């Protein structure tokens, strides 16, 4: 009887270890929610196509905005200042059309890289990155492993963003 219990325990341990390794290996190929960010093409302000692969593997703040969004327009000068005083990469993604963005930037220049994506693709990208509320502005803090660290719905509070970035960079 003791031998049967012993054999059962050994078999259970082997099964558990095999299950762990199978599960671990199956997760390695799993897509991250941020993958779409690096796979899509965006327009720059001149109408050229840009891919964001250059930002992959870095700490990154991504701010989704639109020219017709009042809180978005209000936070851009604050994000300009954040960009100038922080070492983390900041990019904007305008869910808008190129003419509206260029007209807007004549009034309020954007001092950090900002790219443009059509409404449907932009909303889908924003939602895939956690914007369940469907609001703009929407800001995401992404770590070098391309995992989302923090989400900010609505106008981002720059002191909070700065503190979160400082905490993240000191990990």
N, C-alpha and C. Protein backbone atom coordinates (compact mmCIF):
# COMPACT_ATOMS: atom_id res chain seq x y z
N UNK A 1 0.82 -1.18 0.00
CA UNK A 1 0.00 0.00 0.00
C UNK A 1 0.87 1.25 0.00
N UNK A 2 1.95 1.26 0.77
CA UNK A 2 2.82 2.42 0.84
C UNK A 2 3.52 2.65 -0.49
N UNK A 3 3.86 1.56 -1.18
CA UNK A 3 4.51 1.69 -2.48
C UNK A 3 3.56 2.35 -3.49
N UNK A 4 2.27 1.99 -3.43
CA UNK A 4 1.29 2.58 -4.34
C UNK A 4 1.15 4.09 -4.07
N UNK A 5 1.14 4.47 -2.82
CA UNK A 5 1.03 5.90 -2.47
C UNK A 5 2.29 6.63 -2.93
N UNK A 6 3.45 6.01 -2.72
CA UNK A 6 4.71 6.59 -3.13
C UNK A 6 4.73 6.78 -4.65
N UNK A 7 4.34 5.76 -5.41
CA UNK A 7 4.30 5.85 -6.87
C UNK A 7 3.30 6.92 -7.32
N UNK A 8 2.16 6.98 -6.65
CA UNK A 8 1.15 7.99 -7.00
C UNK A 8 1.72 9.40 -6.78
N UNK A 9 2.41 9.63 -5.66
CA UNK A 9 2.99 10.95 -5.37
C UNK A 9 4.07 11.32 -6.39
N UNK A 10 4.91 10.37 -6.76
CA UNK A 10 5.96 10.63 -7.76
C UNK A 10 5.32 10.98 -9.10
N UNK A 11 4.29 10.24 -9.49
CA UNK A 11 3.60 10.52 -10.75
C UNK A 11 2.94 11.90 -10.71
N UNK A 12 2.36 12.25 -9.58
CA UNK A 12 1.71 13.56 -9.45
C UNK A 12 2.74 14.68 -9.55
N UNK A 13 3.89 14.50 -8.93
CA UNK A 13 4.95 15.52 -8.99
C UNK A 13 5.47 15.67 -10.42
N UNK A 14 5.69 14.55 -11.10
CA UNK A 14 6.15 14.60 -12.49
C UNK A 14 5.12 15.31 -13.37
N UNK A 15 3.86 15.00 -13.17
CA UNK A 15 2.80 15.64 -13.95
C UNK A 15 2.75 17.14 -13.68
N UNK A 16 2.91 17.53 -12.42
CA UNK A 16 2.87 18.95 -12.07
C UNK A 16 4.05 19.70 -12.70
N UNK A 17 5.25 19.11 -12.64
CA UNK A 17 6.43 19.75 -13.22
C UNK A 17 6.28 19.85 -14.74
N UNK A 18 5.81 18.80 -15.37
CA UNK A 18 5.60 18.82 -16.83
C UNK A 18 4.55 19.87 -17.21
N UNK A 19 3.51 19.95 -16.43
CA UNK A 19 2.47 20.96 -16.69
C UNK A 19 3.00 22.37 -16.56
N UNK A 20 3.83 22.60 -15.56
CA UNK A 20 4.44 23.92 -15.37
C UNK A 20 5.28 24.31 -16.58
N UNK A 21 6.15 23.40 -17.02
CA UNK A 21 7.01 23.72 -18.16
C UNK A 21 6.21 23.88 -19.45
N UNK A 22 5.19 23.09 -19.64
CA UNK A 22 4.34 23.23 -20.83
C UNK A 22 3.65 24.60 -20.81
N UNK A 23 3.11 24.97 -19.67
CA UNK A 23 2.42 26.25 -19.55
C UNK A 23 3.38 27.42 -19.76
N UNK A 24 4.57 27.33 -19.15
CA UNK A 24 5.57 28.39 -19.29
C UNK A 24 5.97 28.55 -20.75
N UNK A 25 6.23 27.45 -21.44
CA UNK A 25 6.65 27.52 -22.83
C UNK A 25 5.53 28.00 -23.74
N UNK A 26 4.29 27.67 -23.44
CA UNK A 26 3.18 28.10 -24.29
C UNK A 26 2.93 29.60 -24.15
N UNK A 27 3.30 30.21 -23.02
CA UNK A 27 3.10 31.64 -22.82
C UNK A 27 4.17 32.48 -23.51
N UNK A 28 5.33 31.88 -23.81
CA UNK A 28 6.42 32.64 -24.41
C UNK A 28 6.05 33.21 -25.77
N UNK A 29 5.20 32.54 -26.53
CA UNK A 29 4.82 33.02 -27.84
C UNK A 29 3.57 33.89 -27.81
N UNK A 30 3.03 34.17 -26.63
CA UNK A 30 1.80 34.91 -26.50
C UNK A 30 2.01 36.38 -26.89
N UNK A 31 1.05 36.93 -27.63
CA UNK A 31 1.14 38.33 -28.03
C UNK A 31 0.83 39.25 -26.87
N UNK A 32 1.50 40.38 -26.85
CA UNK A 32 1.24 41.40 -25.84
C UNK A 32 0.26 42.41 -26.41
N UNK A 33 -0.46 43.08 -25.52
CA UNK A 33 -1.44 44.07 -25.99
C UNK A 33 -0.74 45.24 -26.67
N UNK A 34 0.51 45.48 -26.37
CA UNK A 34 1.24 46.58 -26.99
C UNK A 34 1.77 46.24 -28.38
N UNK A 35 1.70 44.97 -28.78
CA UNK A 35 2.26 44.58 -30.08
C UNK A 35 1.66 45.37 -31.23
N UNK A 36 0.36 45.66 -31.16
CA UNK A 36 -0.29 46.39 -32.24
C UNK A 36 0.34 47.77 -32.42
N UNK A 37 0.77 48.39 -31.32
CA UNK A 37 1.40 49.70 -31.38
C UNK A 37 2.63 49.68 -32.28
N UNK A 38 3.39 48.60 -32.20
CA UNK A 38 4.64 48.50 -32.96
C UNK A 38 4.44 47.90 -34.35
N UNK A 39 3.27 47.36 -34.63
CA UNK A 39 3.00 46.74 -35.93
C UNK A 39 2.33 47.69 -36.92
N UNK A 40 1.56 48.65 -36.40
CA UNK A 40 0.82 49.56 -37.27
C UNK A 40 1.73 50.62 -37.89
N UNK A 41 1.29 51.15 -39.01
CA UNK A 41 1.96 52.31 -39.61
C UNK A 41 1.15 53.55 -39.28
N UNK A 42 1.84 54.61 -38.96
CA UNK A 42 1.23 55.89 -38.63
C UNK A 42 1.70 56.92 -39.64
N UNK A 43 0.97 57.99 -39.75
CA UNK A 43 1.40 59.10 -40.60
C UNK A 43 2.15 60.10 -39.73
N UNK A 44 3.15 60.75 -40.33
CA UNK A 44 3.76 61.88 -39.65
C UNK A 44 3.10 63.14 -40.18
N UNK A 45 3.49 64.30 -39.70
CA UNK A 45 2.81 65.54 -40.07
C UNK A 45 3.00 65.91 -41.54
N UNK A 46 3.96 65.27 -42.20
CA UNK A 46 4.19 65.54 -43.63
C UNK A 46 3.49 64.52 -44.52
N UNK A 47 2.79 63.56 -43.91
CA UNK A 47 2.08 62.55 -44.69
C UNK A 47 2.88 61.29 -44.95
N UNK A 48 4.11 61.24 -44.44
CA UNK A 48 4.93 60.04 -44.60
C UNK A 48 4.45 58.94 -43.65
N UNK A 49 4.85 57.72 -43.93
CA UNK A 49 4.49 56.58 -43.09
C UNK A 49 5.60 56.30 -42.08
N UNK A 50 5.20 56.03 -40.85
CA UNK A 50 6.15 55.78 -39.76
C UNK A 50 5.73 54.51 -39.03
N UNK A 51 6.72 53.68 -38.69
CA UNK A 51 6.49 52.51 -37.85
C UNK A 51 7.19 52.80 -36.53
N UNK A 52 6.60 52.36 -35.43
CA UNK A 52 7.12 52.71 -34.10
C UNK A 52 8.07 51.66 -33.52
N UNK A 53 8.61 50.80 -34.35
CA UNK A 53 9.55 49.77 -33.87
C UNK A 53 10.72 50.37 -33.09
N UNK A 54 11.12 51.59 -33.43
CA UNK A 54 12.27 52.23 -32.78
C UNK A 54 12.04 52.43 -31.28
N UNK A 55 10.78 52.42 -30.85
CA UNK A 55 10.47 52.63 -29.43
C UNK A 55 10.34 51.32 -28.66
N UNK A 56 10.35 50.22 -29.35
CA UNK A 56 10.16 48.93 -28.70
C UNK A 56 11.35 48.65 -27.77
N UNK A 57 11.05 48.20 -26.57
CA UNK A 57 12.10 47.86 -25.61
C UNK A 57 12.55 49.04 -24.76
N UNK A 58 11.83 50.16 -24.82
CA UNK A 58 12.17 51.33 -24.02
C UNK A 58 10.98 51.70 -23.13
N UNK A 59 11.28 52.44 -22.07
CA UNK A 59 10.19 53.05 -21.31
C UNK A 59 9.54 54.06 -22.23
N UNK A 60 8.22 54.08 -22.25
CA UNK A 60 7.51 54.91 -23.21
C UNK A 60 6.19 55.39 -22.63
N UNK A 61 5.90 56.66 -22.85
CA UNK A 61 4.59 57.23 -22.52
C UNK A 61 3.90 57.50 -23.85
N UNK A 62 2.72 56.93 -24.04
CA UNK A 62 1.95 57.11 -25.26
C UNK A 62 0.68 57.88 -24.89
N UNK A 63 0.47 59.01 -25.57
CA UNK A 63 -0.68 59.85 -25.31
C UNK A 63 -1.58 59.88 -26.54
N UNK A 64 -2.79 59.33 -26.41
CA UNK A 64 -3.78 59.37 -27.48
C UNK A 64 -4.56 60.67 -27.35
N UNK A 65 -4.74 61.38 -28.46
CA UNK A 65 -5.41 62.68 -28.41
C UNK A 65 -6.09 62.96 -29.75
N UNK A 66 -6.83 64.06 -29.79
CA UNK A 66 -7.47 64.52 -31.03
C UNK A 66 -7.60 66.04 -30.97
N UNK A 67 -7.60 66.66 -32.13
CA UNK A 67 -7.68 68.13 -32.19
C UNK A 67 -9.02 68.65 -31.69
N UNK A 68 -10.08 67.87 -31.82
CA UNK A 68 -11.42 68.30 -31.40
C UNK A 68 -11.68 68.07 -29.91
N UNK A 69 -10.73 67.50 -29.21
CA UNK A 69 -10.86 67.13 -27.79
C UNK A 69 -10.29 68.25 -26.91
N UNK A 70 -11.17 68.97 -26.20
CA UNK A 70 -10.73 70.10 -25.37
C UNK A 70 -9.70 69.71 -24.31
N UNK A 71 -9.89 68.63 -23.53
CA UNK A 71 -8.87 68.27 -22.54
C UNK A 71 -7.54 67.90 -23.20
N UNK A 72 -7.60 67.34 -24.40
CA UNK A 72 -6.37 67.00 -25.13
C UNK A 72 -5.59 68.27 -25.44
N UNK A 73 -6.30 69.27 -25.96
CA UNK A 73 -5.66 70.55 -26.31
C UNK A 73 -5.07 71.21 -25.07
N UNK A 74 -5.76 71.10 -23.95
CA UNK A 74 -5.29 71.71 -22.70
C UNK A 74 -4.02 71.05 -22.17
N UNK A 75 -3.90 69.74 -22.35
CA UNK A 75 -2.77 69.05 -21.75
C UNK A 75 -1.50 69.08 -22.60
N UNK A 76 -1.61 69.44 -23.88
CA UNK A 76 -0.42 69.42 -24.74
C UNK A 76 0.69 70.35 -24.24
N UNK A 77 0.42 71.60 -23.83
CA UNK A 77 1.52 72.40 -23.29
C UNK A 77 2.16 71.76 -22.06
N UNK A 78 1.36 71.12 -21.23
CA UNK A 78 1.91 70.43 -20.05
C UNK A 78 2.75 69.22 -20.47
N UNK A 79 2.29 68.50 -21.49
CA UNK A 79 3.08 67.36 -21.99
C UNK A 79 4.36 67.85 -22.66
N UNK A 80 4.32 69.01 -23.32
CA UNK A 80 5.55 69.60 -23.88
C UNK A 80 6.56 69.82 -22.77
N UNK A 81 6.11 70.38 -21.65
CA UNK A 81 7.01 70.63 -20.52
C UNK A 81 7.51 69.31 -19.92
N UNK A 82 6.62 68.34 -19.78
CA UNK A 82 7.00 67.01 -19.28
C UNK A 82 8.09 66.42 -20.18
N UNK A 83 7.90 66.53 -21.48
CA UNK A 83 8.86 66.00 -22.45
C UNK A 83 10.24 66.64 -22.27
N UNK A 84 10.26 67.93 -22.03
CA UNK A 84 11.52 68.65 -21.90
C UNK A 84 12.23 68.38 -20.58
N UNK A 85 11.50 67.94 -19.56
CA UNK A 85 12.10 67.78 -18.23
C UNK A 85 12.23 66.33 -17.79
N UNK A 86 11.87 65.37 -18.64
CA UNK A 86 11.97 63.96 -18.28
C UNK A 86 12.79 63.21 -19.31
N UNK A 87 13.42 62.13 -18.86
CA UNK A 87 14.27 61.35 -19.76
C UNK A 87 13.51 60.25 -20.49
N UNK A 88 12.27 60.04 -20.14
CA UNK A 88 11.49 58.97 -20.75
C UNK A 88 10.96 59.45 -22.12
N UNK A 89 10.81 58.52 -23.04
CA UNK A 89 10.26 58.85 -24.36
C UNK A 89 8.77 59.10 -24.24
N UNK A 90 8.31 60.13 -24.90
CA UNK A 90 6.89 60.48 -24.96
C UNK A 90 6.51 60.61 -26.42
N UNK A 91 5.43 59.94 -26.81
CA UNK A 91 4.91 60.12 -28.16
C UNK A 91 3.41 60.38 -28.08
N UNK A 92 2.94 61.16 -29.02
CA UNK A 92 1.52 61.41 -29.15
C UNK A 92 0.98 60.62 -30.33
N UNK A 93 -0.25 60.19 -30.21
CA UNK A 93 -0.95 59.55 -31.33
C UNK A 93 -2.27 60.27 -31.50
N UNK A 94 -2.36 61.04 -32.57
CA UNK A 94 -3.57 61.78 -32.87
C UNK A 94 -4.55 60.89 -33.61
N UNK A 95 -5.72 60.73 -33.04
CA UNK A 95 -6.79 59.99 -33.72
C UNK A 95 -7.58 61.05 -34.47
N UNK A 96 -7.08 61.37 -35.64
CA UNK A 96 -7.55 62.56 -36.35
C UNK A 96 -7.10 62.48 -37.80
N UNK A 97 -7.28 63.58 -38.53
CA UNK A 97 -6.75 63.62 -39.89
C UNK A 97 -5.58 64.60 -39.95
N UNK A 98 -4.74 64.41 -40.92
CA UNK A 98 -3.47 65.13 -41.01
C UNK A 98 -3.66 66.64 -41.14
N UNK A 99 -4.66 67.08 -41.89
CA UNK A 99 -4.89 68.51 -42.07
C UNK A 99 -5.26 69.18 -40.75
N UNK A 100 -6.13 68.53 -39.99
CA UNK A 100 -6.55 69.09 -38.70
C UNK A 100 -5.36 69.16 -37.74
N UNK A 101 -4.52 68.15 -37.74
CA UNK A 101 -3.35 68.13 -36.85
C UNK A 101 -2.37 69.23 -37.25
N UNK A 102 -2.10 69.37 -38.53
CA UNK A 102 -1.17 70.42 -38.98
C UNK A 102 -1.71 71.82 -38.67
N UNK A 103 -2.98 72.03 -38.85
CA UNK A 103 -3.60 73.32 -38.53
C UNK A 103 -3.49 73.59 -37.02
N UNK A 104 -3.76 72.57 -36.22
CA UNK A 104 -3.68 72.68 -34.76
C UNK A 104 -2.26 73.05 -34.32
N UNK A 105 -1.26 72.39 -34.92
CA UNK A 105 0.13 72.60 -34.49
C UNK A 105 0.65 73.99 -34.85
N UNK A 106 -0.03 74.69 -35.74
CA UNK A 106 0.35 76.09 -36.01
C UNK A 106 -0.02 76.97 -34.82
N UNK A 107 -1.07 76.60 -34.10
CA UNK A 107 -1.50 77.35 -32.91
C UNK A 107 -0.75 76.87 -31.67
N UNK A 108 -0.70 75.56 -31.49
CA UNK A 108 -0.05 74.96 -30.32
C UNK A 108 0.95 73.92 -30.81
N UNK A 109 2.22 74.29 -30.89
CA UNK A 109 3.23 73.32 -31.35
C UNK A 109 3.37 72.15 -30.38
N UNK A 110 3.62 71.00 -30.93
CA UNK A 110 3.88 69.80 -30.12
C UNK A 110 5.37 69.53 -30.20
N UNK A 111 6.04 69.49 -29.06
CA UNK A 111 7.50 69.41 -29.02
C UNK A 111 8.02 67.99 -28.88
N UNK A 112 7.15 67.03 -28.89
CA UNK A 112 7.53 65.62 -28.82
C UNK A 112 6.99 64.94 -30.08
N UNK A 113 7.52 63.77 -30.43
CA UNK A 113 7.02 63.11 -31.63
C UNK A 113 5.52 62.82 -31.51
N UNK A 114 4.78 63.18 -32.53
CA UNK A 114 3.35 62.91 -32.55
C UNK A 114 2.99 62.37 -33.92
N UNK A 115 2.25 61.30 -33.93
CA UNK A 115 1.89 60.62 -35.16
C UNK A 115 0.38 60.61 -35.31
N UNK A 116 -0.08 60.28 -36.49
CA UNK A 116 -1.50 60.38 -36.81
C UNK A 116 -2.00 59.03 -37.30
N UNK A 117 -3.21 58.69 -36.86
CA UNK A 117 -3.85 57.44 -37.27
C UNK A 117 -5.33 57.73 -37.50
N UNK A 118 -5.93 57.02 -38.43
CA UNK A 118 -7.35 57.25 -38.71
C UNK A 118 -8.21 56.85 -37.52
N UNK A 119 -9.43 57.37 -37.52
CA UNK A 119 -10.32 57.19 -36.37
C UNK A 119 -10.52 55.72 -35.99
N UNK A 120 -10.90 54.90 -36.95
CA UNK A 120 -11.21 53.51 -36.65
C UNK A 120 -10.00 52.76 -36.09
N UNK A 121 -8.86 52.88 -36.76
CA UNK A 121 -7.65 52.20 -36.29
C UNK A 121 -7.18 52.76 -34.95
N UNK A 122 -7.30 54.08 -34.78
CA UNK A 122 -6.87 54.70 -33.53
C UNK A 122 -7.70 54.27 -32.34
N UNK A 123 -9.02 54.21 -32.54
CA UNK A 123 -9.91 53.76 -31.46
C UNK A 123 -9.61 52.30 -31.13
N UNK A 124 -9.42 51.49 -32.15
CA UNK A 124 -9.13 50.06 -31.94
C UNK A 124 -7.81 49.89 -31.18
N UNK A 125 -6.78 50.65 -31.57
CA UNK A 125 -5.49 50.59 -30.89
C UNK A 125 -5.62 51.03 -29.45
N UNK A 126 -6.28 52.14 -29.24
CA UNK A 126 -6.48 52.66 -27.88
C UNK A 126 -7.21 51.64 -27.01
N UNK A 127 -8.25 51.02 -27.55
CA UNK A 127 -9.00 50.02 -26.79
C UNK A 127 -8.14 48.79 -26.51
N UNK A 128 -7.33 48.38 -27.47
CA UNK A 128 -6.49 47.20 -27.27
C UNK A 128 -5.46 47.43 -26.17
N UNK A 129 -5.14 48.70 -25.92
CA UNK A 129 -4.16 49.03 -24.89
C UNK A 129 -4.81 49.35 -23.55
N UNK A 130 -6.13 49.14 -23.45
CA UNK A 130 -6.78 49.28 -22.15
C UNK A 130 -7.79 50.39 -22.03
N UNK A 131 -8.05 51.13 -23.10
CA UNK A 131 -9.00 52.23 -23.02
C UNK A 131 -10.43 51.70 -23.12
N UNK A 132 -10.84 51.01 -22.05
CA UNK A 132 -12.17 50.41 -22.01
C UNK A 132 -13.26 51.46 -21.96
N UNK A 133 -12.92 52.66 -21.48
CA UNK A 133 -13.91 53.74 -21.36
C UNK A 133 -14.09 54.49 -22.68
N UNK A 134 -13.16 54.33 -23.61
CA UNK A 134 -13.25 55.01 -24.90
C UNK A 134 -13.07 56.51 -24.80
N UNK A 135 -12.26 56.99 -23.85
CA UNK A 135 -12.10 58.42 -23.65
C UNK A 135 -10.82 58.94 -24.30
N UNK A 136 -10.82 60.22 -24.56
CA UNK A 136 -9.63 60.95 -24.96
C UNK A 136 -9.55 62.17 -24.05
N UNK A 137 -8.37 62.57 -23.67
CA UNK A 137 -7.11 61.89 -23.92
C UNK A 137 -7.00 60.60 -23.10
N UNK A 138 -6.12 59.76 -23.56
CA UNK A 138 -5.84 58.48 -22.91
C UNK A 138 -4.34 58.28 -22.99
N UNK A 139 -3.72 58.02 -21.85
CA UNK A 139 -2.26 57.92 -21.79
C UNK A 139 -1.86 56.59 -21.17
N UNK A 140 -0.78 56.02 -21.71
CA UNK A 140 -0.31 54.70 -21.29
C UNK A 140 1.19 54.77 -20.99
N UNK A 141 1.59 54.19 -19.86
CA UNK A 141 3.00 54.05 -19.51
C UNK A 141 3.39 52.60 -19.81
N UNK A 142 4.39 52.42 -20.68
CA UNK A 142 4.82 51.09 -21.14
C UNK A 142 6.26 50.86 -20.70
N UNK A 143 6.54 49.67 -20.17
CA UNK A 143 7.89 49.35 -19.72
C UNK A 143 8.71 48.73 -20.85
N UNK A 144 10.04 48.53 -20.65
CA UNK A 144 10.88 47.98 -21.71
C UNK A 144 10.51 46.55 -22.14
N UNK A 145 9.75 45.83 -21.33
CA UNK A 145 9.27 44.50 -21.72
C UNK A 145 8.00 44.61 -22.55
N UNK A 146 7.61 45.85 -22.86
CA UNK A 146 6.40 46.15 -23.65
C UNK A 146 5.13 45.77 -22.92
N UNK A 147 5.19 45.81 -21.60
CA UNK A 147 4.00 45.60 -20.77
C UNK A 147 3.48 46.96 -20.32
N UNK A 148 2.19 47.08 -20.18
CA UNK A 148 1.59 48.32 -19.71
C UNK A 148 1.73 48.39 -18.19
N UNK A 149 2.32 49.47 -17.74
CA UNK A 149 2.52 49.70 -16.31
C UNK A 149 1.34 50.45 -15.70
N UNK A 150 0.82 51.45 -16.43
CA UNK A 150 -0.22 52.30 -15.86
C UNK A 150 -1.04 52.93 -16.98
N UNK A 151 -2.32 53.13 -16.70
CA UNK A 151 -3.25 53.79 -17.62
C UNK A 151 -3.73 55.08 -16.98
N UNK A 152 -3.94 56.09 -17.81
CA UNK A 152 -4.45 57.38 -17.35
C UNK A 152 -5.62 57.77 -18.26
N UNK A 153 -6.79 57.85 -17.68
CA UNK A 153 -7.99 58.23 -18.43
C UNK A 153 -8.22 59.73 -18.28
N UNK A 154 -8.50 60.40 -19.39
CA UNK A 154 -8.73 61.84 -19.34
C UNK A 154 -7.43 62.60 -19.26
N UNK A 155 -7.55 63.89 -18.97
CA UNK A 155 -6.38 64.76 -18.90
C UNK A 155 -5.43 64.24 -17.82
N UNK A 156 -4.22 63.94 -18.24
CA UNK A 156 -3.25 63.36 -17.32
C UNK A 156 -2.76 64.43 -16.34
N UNK A 157 -2.64 64.03 -15.10
CA UNK A 157 -2.08 64.90 -14.07
C UNK A 157 -0.56 64.74 -14.12
N UNK A 158 0.11 65.77 -14.60
CA UNK A 158 1.55 65.69 -14.84
C UNK A 158 2.34 65.34 -13.57
N UNK A 159 2.01 65.89 -12.40
CA UNK A 159 2.75 65.47 -11.20
C UNK A 159 2.62 63.96 -10.94
N UNK A 160 1.44 63.40 -11.17
CA UNK A 160 1.24 61.96 -10.98
C UNK A 160 2.04 61.17 -12.01
N UNK A 161 1.98 61.60 -13.28
CA UNK A 161 2.74 60.93 -14.34
C UNK A 161 4.24 61.00 -14.03
N UNK A 162 4.71 62.16 -13.63
CA UNK A 162 6.13 62.32 -13.30
C UNK A 162 6.54 61.41 -12.15
N UNK A 163 5.69 61.31 -11.14
CA UNK A 163 5.99 60.43 -10.00
C UNK A 163 5.99 58.97 -10.42
N UNK A 164 5.01 58.57 -11.23
CA UNK A 164 4.95 57.19 -11.71
C UNK A 164 6.17 56.85 -12.57
N UNK A 165 6.59 57.78 -13.40
CA UNK A 165 7.78 57.57 -14.24
C UNK A 165 9.02 57.47 -13.36
N UNK A 166 9.16 58.36 -12.39
CA UNK A 166 10.31 58.31 -11.48
C UNK A 166 10.35 56.99 -10.73
N UNK A 167 9.21 56.54 -10.25
CA UNK A 167 9.15 55.25 -9.55
C UNK A 167 9.51 54.11 -10.48
N UNK A 168 9.02 54.16 -11.69
CA UNK A 168 9.29 53.09 -12.66
C UNK A 168 10.76 53.04 -13.03
N UNK A 169 11.37 54.18 -13.25
CA UNK A 169 12.78 54.22 -13.66
C UNK A 169 13.73 53.83 -12.53
N UNK A 170 13.26 53.90 -11.30
CA UNK A 170 14.09 53.51 -10.16
C UNK A 170 13.88 52.07 -9.75
N UNK A 171 13.16 51.28 -10.54
CA UNK A 171 12.90 49.88 -10.19
C UNK A 171 14.17 49.10 -10.10
